[in-house]
C-alpha atoms as a PDB file:
ATOM      1  CA  MET A   1      16.204  27.182 -37.138  1.00  0.00           C
ATOM      2  CA  LYS A   2      17.218  27.458 -40.760  1.00  0.00           C
ATOM      3  CA  ASP A   3      20.624  28.682 -41.871  1.00  0.00           C
ATOM      4  CA  ALA A   4      23.161  28.223 -44.658  1.00  0.00           C
ATOM      5  CA  VAL A   5      26.694  26.964 -44.077  1.00  0.00           C
ATOM      6  CA  THR A   6      29.715  26.656 -46.359  1.00  0.00           C
ATOM      7  CA  ILE A   7      31.902  23.598 -46.858  1.00  0.00           C
ATOM      8  CA  ASP A   8      35.630  24.407 -46.630  1.00  0.00           C
ATOM      9  CA  LYS A   9      38.443  22.816 -48.689  1.00  0.00           C
ATOM     10  CA  ALA A  10      38.788  20.001 -46.152  1.00  0.00           C
ATOM     11  CA  GLY A  11      35.056  19.183 -46.432  1.00  0.00           C
ATOM     12  CA  ARG A  12      34.187  20.654 -43.025  1.00  0.00           C
ATOM     13  CA  ILE A  13      31.209  22.766 -42.095  1.00  0.00           C
ATOM     14  CA  VAL A  14      30.751  25.012 -39.078  1.00  0.00           C
ATOM     15  CA  LEU A  15      27.414  24.803 -37.303  1.00  0.00           C
ATOM     16  CA  PRO A  16      26.262  28.259 -36.156  1.00  0.00           C
ATOM     17  CA  LYS A  17      26.884  28.903 -32.453  1.00  0.00           C
ATOM     18  CA  PRO A  18      23.176  29.435 -31.597  1.00  0.00           C
ATOM     19  CA  LEU A  19      22.456  25.977 -33.054  1.00  0.00           C
ATOM     20  CA  ARG A  20      25.367  24.367 -31.170  1.00  0.00           C
ATOM     21  CA  ASP A  21      24.160  26.029 -27.969  1.00  0.00           C
ATOM     22  CA  GLU A  22      20.564  24.920 -28.515  1.00  0.00           C
ATOM     23  CA  LEU A  23      21.653  21.311 -29.088  1.00  0.00           C
ATOM     24  CA  ARG A  24      24.344  21.487 -26.379  1.00  0.00           C
ATOM     25  CA  LEU A  25      27.029  20.453 -28.858  1.00  0.00           C
ATOM     26  CA  ARG A  26      30.681  20.914 -27.966  1.00  0.00           C
ATOM     27  CA  ALA A  27      34.004  20.295 -29.661  1.00  0.00           C
ATOM     28  CA  GLY A  28      34.594  16.556 -29.870  1.00  0.00           C
ATOM     29  CA  ASP A  29      30.899  15.579 -29.823  1.00  0.00           C
ATOM     30  CA  ARG A  30      29.962  12.997 -32.421  1.00  0.00           C
ATOM     31  CA  LEU A  31      27.138  13.296 -34.949  1.00  0.00           C
ATOM     32  CA  ASP A  32      25.353  10.576 -36.897  1.00  0.00           C
ATOM     33  CA  VAL A  33      25.078  11.404 -40.609  1.00  0.00           C
ATOM     34  CA  GLN A  34      22.205  10.126 -42.744  1.00  0.00           C
ATOM     35  CA  VAL A  35      21.843  10.786 -46.474  1.00  0.00           C
ATOM     36  CA  GLU A  36      18.586  10.377 -48.408  1.00  0.00           C
ATOM     37  CA  GLY A  37      18.714  11.654 -51.962  1.00  0.00           C
ATOM     38  CA  GLU A  38      20.097  15.187 -51.723  1.00  0.00           C
ATOM     39  CA  GLN A  39      19.143  15.598 -48.073  1.00  0.00           C
ATOM     40  CA  VAL A  40      21.801  15.284 -45.355  1.00  0.00           C
ATOM     41  CA  THR A  41      20.643  14.882 -41.758  1.00  0.00           C
ATOM     42  CA  LEU A  42      22.962  15.309 -38.772  1.00  0.00           C
ATOM     43  CA  ARG A  43      21.900  13.976 -35.369  1.00  0.00           C
ATOM     44  CA  PRO A  44      23.833  14.285 -32.118  1.00  0.00           C
ATOM     45  CA  ARG A  45      25.074  10.914 -30.929  1.00  0.00           C
ATOM     46  CA  ARG A  46      24.153  10.909 -27.260  1.00  0.00           C
ATOM     47  CA  LEU A  47      25.505   8.515 -24.697  1.00  0.00           C
ATOM     48  CA  SER A  48      22.935   6.316 -23.027  1.00  0.00           C
ATOM     49  CA  SER A  49      23.874   8.035 -19.789  1.00  0.00           C
ATOM     50  CA  PRO A  50      25.182  11.538 -19.083  1.00  0.00           C
ATOM     51  CA  LEU A  51      27.522   9.901 -16.565  1.00  0.00           C
ATOM     52  CA  ARG A  52      31.057   9.658 -17.982  1.00  0.00           C
ATOM     53  CA  ARG A  53      34.398   8.716 -16.556  1.00  0.00           C
ATOM     54  CA  LYS A  54      37.000  11.476 -16.963  1.00  0.00           C
ATOM     55  CA  GLN A  55      40.523  11.076 -15.644  1.00  0.00           C
ATOM     56  CA  GLY A  56      39.381   8.336 -13.284  1.00  0.00           C
ATOM     57  CA  VAL A  57      36.477  10.348 -11.828  1.00  0.00           C
ATOM     58  CA  TRP A  58      32.777   9.881 -12.610  1.00  0.00           C
ATOM     59  CA  VAL A  59      31.309  13.115 -13.996  1.00  0.00           C
ATOM     60  CA  PHE A  60      27.611  13.822 -14.610  1.00  0.00           C
ATOM     61  CA  GLU A  61      27.430  15.972 -17.740  1.00  0.00           C
ATOM     62  CA  THR A  62      24.412  18.178 -18.281  1.00  0.00           C
ATOM     63  CA  GLY A  63      25.894  20.179 -21.124  1.00  0.00           C
ATOM     64  CA  GLU A  64      25.702  23.319 -19.028  1.00  0.00           C
ATOM     65  CA  THR A  65      28.624  24.875 -17.214  1.00  0.00           C
ATOM     66  CA  MET A  66      28.651  26.274 -13.681  1.00  0.00           C
ATOM     67  CA  THR A  67      30.447  29.381 -12.568  1.00  0.00           C
ATOM     68  CA  ALA A  68      32.984  29.031  -9.769  1.00  0.00           C
ATOM     69  CA  GLU A  69      30.523  30.788  -7.468  1.00  0.00           C
ATOM     70  CA  GLU A  70      27.704  28.370  -8.349  1.00  0.00           C
ATOM     71  CA  ALA A  71      30.009  25.386  -7.807  1.00  0.00           C
ATOM     72  CA  ALA A  72      31.145  26.723  -4.416  1.00  0.00           C
ATOM     73  CA  ALA A  73      27.550  27.406  -3.330  1.00  0.00           C
ATOM     74  CA  THR A  74      26.436  23.931  -4.424  1.00  0.00           C
ATOM     75  CA  LEU A  75      29.335  22.278  -2.617  1.00  0.00           C
ATOM     76  CA  ARG A  76      28.593  24.290   0.529  1.00  0.00           C
ATOM     77  CA  ARG A  77      24.889  23.325   0.388  1.00  0.00           C
ATOM     78  CA  VAL A  78      25.650  19.609  -0.121  1.00  0.00           C
ATOM     79  CA  ARG A  79      28.159  19.607   2.737  1.00  0.00           C
ATOM     80  CA  GLU A  80      25.632  21.283   5.041  1.00  0.00           C
ATOM     81  CA  GLN A  81      22.962  18.717   4.101  1.00  0.00           C
ATOM     82  CA  ARG A  82      25.364  15.833   4.757  1.00  0.00           C
ATOM     83  CA  SER A  83      26.435  17.351   8.057  1.00  0.00           C
ATOM     84  CA  ARG A  84      22.808  17.734   9.203  1.00  0.00           C
ATOM     85  CA  ALA A  85      21.987  14.198   8.051  1.00  0.00           C
ATOM     86  CA  SER A  86      24.952  12.760   9.957  1.00  0.00           C
ATOM     87  CA  VAL A  87      23.581  14.124  13.245  1.00  0.00           C
ATOM     88  CA  GLY A  88      20.015  13.080  12.473  1.00  0.00           C
ATOM     89  CA  GLU A  89      18.586  16.477  11.514  1.00  0.00           C
ATOM     90  CA  ARG A  90      16.049  16.776   8.745  1.00  0.00           C
ATOM     91  CA  GLU A  91      15.926  19.529   6.165  1.00  0.00           C
END
């Protein structure tokens, strides 16, 4: 992807939404900046693990959101699997 961006008075640039989506960048993400001559390279700074602690709870971040329906269906499926496993049933 190639695009042009403008620097505002505070020295900020806005990365186009399609690029942010492609790289799974969100507000607050950090970028490494490298300068060689007149070339500026930005690279997402990724954690070594997508597992983060948020408000005392471990959260696995994939960069993709789930709808409430998807979350409910996933929770239901996991609970059913655990229930079957607790009585010795196999999937």
